[in-house]
């Protein structure tokens, strides 16, 4: 048993490190391509959009961290009944979160062209903002609860590997599309649908290997009742890490 945990821990650390390296490389290459091919304004729009989307993720309200903690005991004891009741509660909450996030994303997409000074058209800005965040809507509705279960079982390396593959596909896809001269909106839309593949695979994997999961059982809402305390830490971290670009977007132009 201990050897099994050591192997899982090693895989999690190794694949997490590889994922970070890939993220860093893509972070060095793609911004320069955007700057050279589309100018500073598009690069500013993409960066500021990502920061606004981080704030929209507050709708998640710490449910992921609380669910992860609640699942550790049922997973360790192979108590599938308790795990199902916790996942059922999380599934309900994530569906509400997905609806709120979608509403917030639409409002942000409509308001953003008026919020930031830009020479881009309303349609361009709306499309870039909306499709930059739409894959997160799919995550909340279909994938989020399963991600947490895999983490509780020590299988985070599966998520890390899949995310690395998707990031490579998105990065290479953007690189090719930029070189071929596609417009930024097309690039963002295609990237969005590539990211949705991640959710499709996770749902398939769970349906195949976790046939015992039943989300129709009575939800254990008490198990995830501490989410508000986690939200405080999440909100503080977002203010510390993401306020600068938000202020620059509101008071300066996208360049």
Protein backbone atom coordinates (compact mmCIF):
# COMPACT_ATOMS: atom_id res chain seq x y z
CA UNK A 1 0.00 0.00 0.00
CA UNK A 2 2.77 2.43 0.96
CA UNK A 3 4.67 1.61 -2.25
CA UNK A 4 1.53 2.35 -4.24
CA UNK A 5 1.20 5.78 -2.60
CA UNK A 6 4.89 6.48 -3.22
CA UNK A 7 4.48 5.66 -6.93
CA UNK A 8 1.42 7.90 -7.20
CA UNK A 9 3.22 10.72 -5.39
CA UNK A 10 6.26 10.37 -7.66
CA UNK A 11 4.05 10.47 -10.76
CA UNK A 12 2.20 13.53 -9.48
CA UNK A 13 5.47 15.40 -8.83
CA UNK A 14 7.13 14.35 -12.10
CA UNK A 15 4.22 15.13 -14.39
CA UNK A 16 3.48 18.37 -12.55
CA UNK A 17 7.07 19.50 -13.15
CA UNK A 18 6.84 18.57 -16.86
CA UNK A 19 3.56 20.46 -17.13
CA UNK A 20 5.15 23.55 -15.60
CA UNK A 21 8.03 23.39 -18.08
CA UNK A 22 5.60 23.15 -21.01
CA UNK A 23 3.57 26.07 -19.64
CA UNK A 24 6.70 28.21 -19.29
CA UNK A 25 7.86 27.47 -22.84
CA UNK A 26 4.46 28.26 -24.32
CA UNK A 27 4.33 31.40 -22.18
CA UNK A 28 7.59 32.57 -23.74
CA UNK A 29 6.71 31.80 -27.36
CA UNK A 30 3.02 32.68 -27.84
CA UNK A 31 2.95 36.25 -26.42
CA UNK A 32 5.74 37.27 -28.78
CA UNK A 33 3.85 35.79 -31.74
CA UNK A 34 0.73 37.72 -30.76
CA UNK A 35 2.76 40.91 -30.40
CA UNK A 36 4.56 40.51 -33.72
CA UNK A 37 1.52 39.40 -35.75
CA UNK A 38 -1.42 41.23 -34.14
CA UNK A 39 0.12 44.02 -32.07
CA UNK A 40 0.13 44.98 -28.42
CA UNK A 41 -3.62 45.58 -28.27
CA UNK A 42 -4.60 41.95 -28.89
CA UNK A 43 -1.95 40.74 -26.46
CA UNK A 44 -3.29 43.17 -23.84
CA UNK A 45 -6.86 42.02 -24.48
CA UNK A 46 -5.96 38.35 -24.02
CA UNK A 47 -4.01 38.96 -20.83
CA UNK A 48 -6.60 41.21 -19.21
CA UNK A 49 -9.40 38.81 -20.21
CA UNK A 50 -7.65 35.98 -18.41
CA UNK A 51 -7.45 38.10 -15.26
CA UNK A 52 -11.17 38.94 -15.37
CA UNK A 53 -11.97 35.25 -15.84
CA UNK A 54 -9.99 34.47 -12.69
CA UNK A 55 -12.39 36.71 -10.77
CA UNK A 56 -15.37 34.98 -12.33
CA UNK A 57 -14.05 31.70 -10.93
CA UNK A 58 -15.01 33.04 -7.48
CA UNK A 59 -18.45 31.58 -8.26
CA UNK A 60 -16.79 28.24 -7.46
CA UNK A 61 -16.55 29.57 -3.88
CA UNK A 62 -13.95 27.10 -2.65
CA UNK A 63 -16.15 24.07 -3.26
CA UNK A 64 -13.28 22.16 -4.87
CA UNK A 65 -10.97 22.40 -1.85
CA UNK A 66 -13.75 21.53 0.61
CA UNK A 67 -14.91 18.54 -1.45
CA UNK A 68 -11.33 17.28 -1.74
CA UNK A 69 -10.94 17.33 2.04
CA UNK A 70 -14.33 15.64 2.53
CA UNK A 71 -13.47 12.84 0.09
CA UNK A 72 -10.18 11.77 1.66
CA UNK A 73 -11.78 9.61 4.36
CA UNK A 74 -14.37 7.81 2.14
CA UNK A 75 -11.69 7.16 -0.49
CA UNK A 76 -9.22 5.79 2.11
CA UNK A 77 -11.92 3.53 3.57
CA UNK A 78 -13.42 2.57 0.17
CA UNK A 79 -16.76 3.91 1.41
CA UNK A 80 -18.45 4.35 -1.95
CA UNK A 81 -21.78 5.31 -0.42
CA UNK A 82 -20.32 8.30 1.42
CA UNK A 83 -18.25 9.27 -1.61
CA UNK A 84 -21.38 9.25 -3.79
CA UNK A 85 -23.32 11.46 -1.37
CA UNK A 86 -20.47 14.00 -1.29
CA UNK A 87 -20.09 13.95 -5.07
CA UNK A 88 -23.87 14.35 -5.47
CA UNK A 89 -23.78 17.51 -3.32
CA UNK A 90 -20.78 18.83 -5.24
CA UNK A 91 -22.45 18.05 -8.56
CA UNK A 92 -25.51 20.12 -7.61
CA UNK A 93 -23.36 23.02 -6.50
CA UNK A 94 -21.18 22.90 -9.61
CA UNK A 95 -24.24 22.99 -11.87
CA UNK A 96 -25.42 26.15 -10.11
CA UNK A 97 -21.88 27.52 -10.38
CA UNK A 98 -21.80 26.74 -14.09
CA UNK A 99 -25.05 28.65 -14.63
CA UNK A 100 -23.80 31.65 -12.63
CA UNK A 101 -20.45 31.56 -14.41
CA UNK A 102 -22.14 31.46 -17.82
CA UNK A 103 -24.30 34.44 -16.89
CA UNK A 104 -21.27 36.33 -15.61
CA UNK A 105 -19.31 35.45 -18.74
CA UNK A 106 -22.05 36.81 -21.01
CA UNK A 107 -22.25 40.03 -18.97
CA UNK A 108 -18.47 40.42 -19.05
CA UNK A 109 -18.39 39.79 -22.80
CA UNK A 110 -21.02 42.49 -23.37
CA UNK A 111 -19.54 45.00 -20.93
CA UNK A 112 -15.87 44.54 -21.79
CA UNK A 113 -15.92 46.50 -25.10
CA UNK A 114 -17.23 49.51 -23.14
CA UNK A 115 -14.92 48.94 -20.19
CA UNK A 116 -11.60 48.98 -22.03
CA UNK A 117 -10.44 51.56 -24.55
CA UNK A 118 -9.86 49.69 -27.82
CA UNK A 119 -9.91 50.06 -31.58
CA UNK A 120 -11.28 46.53 -31.94
CA UNK A 121 -14.91 46.01 -32.90
CA UNK A 122 -17.59 44.99 -30.40
CA UNK A 123 -17.96 41.60 -32.10
CA UNK A 124 -14.24 40.86 -31.91
CA UNK A 125 -13.93 41.73 -28.23
CA UNK A 126 -17.17 39.91 -27.32
CA UNK A 127 -16.09 36.73 -29.13
CA UNK A 128 -12.58 36.69 -27.67
CA UNK A 129 -13.82 37.21 -24.10
CA UNK A 130 -16.71 34.73 -24.38
CA UNK A 131 -14.78 31.87 -25.96
CA UNK A 132 -11.79 32.44 -23.68
CA UNK A 133 -14.04 31.47 -20.76
CA UNK A 134 -16.56 29.07 -22.28
CA UNK A 135 -14.45 25.95 -21.65
CA UNK A 136 -14.72 26.74 -17.90
CA UNK A 137 -18.52 26.52 -18.19
CA UNK A 138 -18.13 22.97 -19.52
CA UNK A 139 -15.73 22.20 -16.66
CA UNK A 140 -18.25 23.27 -14.02
CA UNK A 141 -21.16 21.38 -15.57
CA UNK A 142 -19.44 18.11 -16.45
CA UNK A 143 -15.84 17.73 -15.31
CA UNK A 144 -15.20 19.50 -11.99
CA UNK A 145 -16.52 16.89 -9.57
CA UNK A 146 -14.58 14.11 -11.30
CA UNK A 147 -11.36 16.11 -11.16
CA UNK A 148 -11.69 16.30 -7.38
CA UNK A 149 -12.34 12.57 -7.06
CA UNK A 150 -9.22 11.74 -9.05
CA UNK A 151 -7.17 14.08 -6.87
CA UNK A 152 -8.53 12.45 -3.71
CA UNK A 153 -7.48 9.06 -5.05
CA UNK A 154 -3.94 10.29 -5.72
CA UNK A 155 -4.43 10.28 -9.47
CA UNK A 156 -3.76 13.93 -10.09
CA UNK A 157 -1.09 12.85 -12.60
CA UNK A 158 -3.91 11.81 -14.96
CA UNK A 159 -5.29 15.34 -14.91
CA UNK A 160 -1.79 16.82 -15.21
CA UNK A 161 -0.90 14.64 -18.19
CA UNK A 162 -4.15 15.41 -19.93
CA UNK A 163 -3.77 19.14 -19.27
CA UNK A 164 -0.21 19.01 -20.66
CA UNK A 165 -1.39 17.27 -23.84
CA UNK A 166 -4.22 19.78 -24.27
CA UNK A 167 -1.85 22.71 -23.66
CA UNK A 168 0.53 21.35 -26.28
CA UNK A 169 -2.30 20.88 -28.78
CA UNK A 170 -3.61 24.39 -28.08
CA UNK A 171 -0.12 25.90 -28.23
CA UNK A 172 0.85 24.16 -31.46
CA UNK A 173 -2.58 24.92 -32.92
CA UNK A 174 -2.22 28.62 -32.13
CA UNK A 175 1.29 28.62 -33.55
CA UNK A 176 0.15 27.08 -36.84
CA UNK A 177 -2.94 29.30 -37.12
CA UNK A 178 -0.91 32.45 -36.45
CA UNK A 179 1.64 31.49 -39.09
CA UNK A 180 -1.19 30.77 -41.56
CA UNK A 181 -2.61 34.23 -40.90
CA UNK A 182 -5.89 33.40 -39.17
CA UNK A 183 -7.56 36.18 -37.20
CA UNK A 184 -7.42 36.16 -33.37
CA UNK A 185 -11.13 35.35 -32.96
CA UNK A 186 -10.82 32.15 -35.01
CA UNK A 187 -7.75 31.14 -33.01
CA UNK A 188 -9.54 31.60 -29.67
CA UNK A 189 -12.67 29.74 -30.84
CA UNK A 190 -10.66 26.75 -32.08
CA UNK A 191 -8.58 26.73 -28.89
CA UNK A 192 -11.77 26.70 -26.84
CA UNK A 193 -13.10 23.60 -28.56
CA UNK A 194 -9.74 21.83 -28.22
CA UNK A 195 -9.94 22.43 -24.45
CA UNK A 196 -13.42 20.91 -24.35
CA UNK A 197 -11.81 17.62 -25.43
CA UNK A 198 -10.35 17.48 -21.92
CA UNK A 199 -13.81 17.36 -20.33
CA UNK A 200 -15.01 14.76 -22.84
CA UNK A 201 -12.10 12.45 -22.01
CA UNK A 202 -12.48 12.81 -18.21
CA UNK A 203 -16.20 12.00 -18.39
CA UNK A 204 -15.42 8.98 -20.60
CA UNK A 205 -12.66 7.82 -18.21
CA UNK A 206 -14.94 8.06 -15.17
CA UNK A 207 -17.84 6.28 -16.90
CA UNK A 208 -15.46 3.48 -17.91
CA UNK A 209 -13.50 2.96 -14.67
CA UNK A 210 -15.85 4.25 -11.95
CA UNK A 211 -19.13 2.50 -12.70
CA UNK A 212 -20.05 2.66 -9.01
CA UNK A 213 -20.56 6.43 -9.09
CA UNK A 214 -24.21 7.39 -8.60
CA UNK A 215 -24.99 11.10 -8.47
CA UNK A 216 -28.72 10.51 -7.92
CA UNK A 217 -28.25 9.58 -4.23
CA UNK A 218 -29.20 11.95 -1.40
CA UNK A 219 -26.53 14.69 -1.36
CA UNK A 220 -24.47 15.23 1.78
CA UNK A 221 -24.52 19.02 1.88
CA UNK A 222 -23.07 19.09 5.39
CA UNK A 223 -19.79 17.64 4.12
CA UNK A 224 -19.17 20.69 1.95
CA UNK A 225 -20.61 23.23 4.37
CA UNK A 226 -17.24 24.84 5.14
CA UNK A 227 -16.78 26.26 1.64
CA UNK A 228 -17.21 29.89 2.75
CA UNK A 229 -14.04 29.73 4.83
CA UNK A 230 -12.08 28.52 1.82
CA UNK A 231 -13.60 31.32 -0.27
CA UNK A 232 -11.98 33.95 1.98
CA UNK A 233 -8.50 32.59 1.24
CA UNK A 234 -9.32 32.23 -2.46
CA UNK A 235 -10.54 35.82 -2.70
CA UNK A 236 -7.49 37.20 -0.87
CA UNK A 237 -5.16 35.33 -3.21
CA UNK A 238 -6.91 36.66 -6.30
CA UNK A 239 -6.68 40.25 -5.09
CA UNK A 240 -2.97 39.84 -4.40
CA UNK A 241 -2.13 38.15 -7.72
CA UNK A 242 -4.55 39.62 -10.27
CA UNK A 243 -5.38 43.22 -9.37
CA UNK A 244 -2.63 44.91 -11.40
CA UNK A 245 -3.85 44.00 -14.88
CA UNK A 246 -7.45 44.71 -13.93
CA UNK A 247 -6.57 48.27 -12.87
CA UNK A 248 -4.44 48.80 -15.98
CA UNK A 249 -7.31 47.63 -18.19
CA UNK A 250 -9.84 49.99 -16.60
CA UNK A 251 -7.64 53.11 -16.41
CA UNK A 252 -5.37 52.60 -19.46
CA UNK A 253 -5.87 51.27 -22.97
CA UNK A 254 -5.17 47.65 -23.93
CA UNK A 255 -1.78 48.50 -25.38
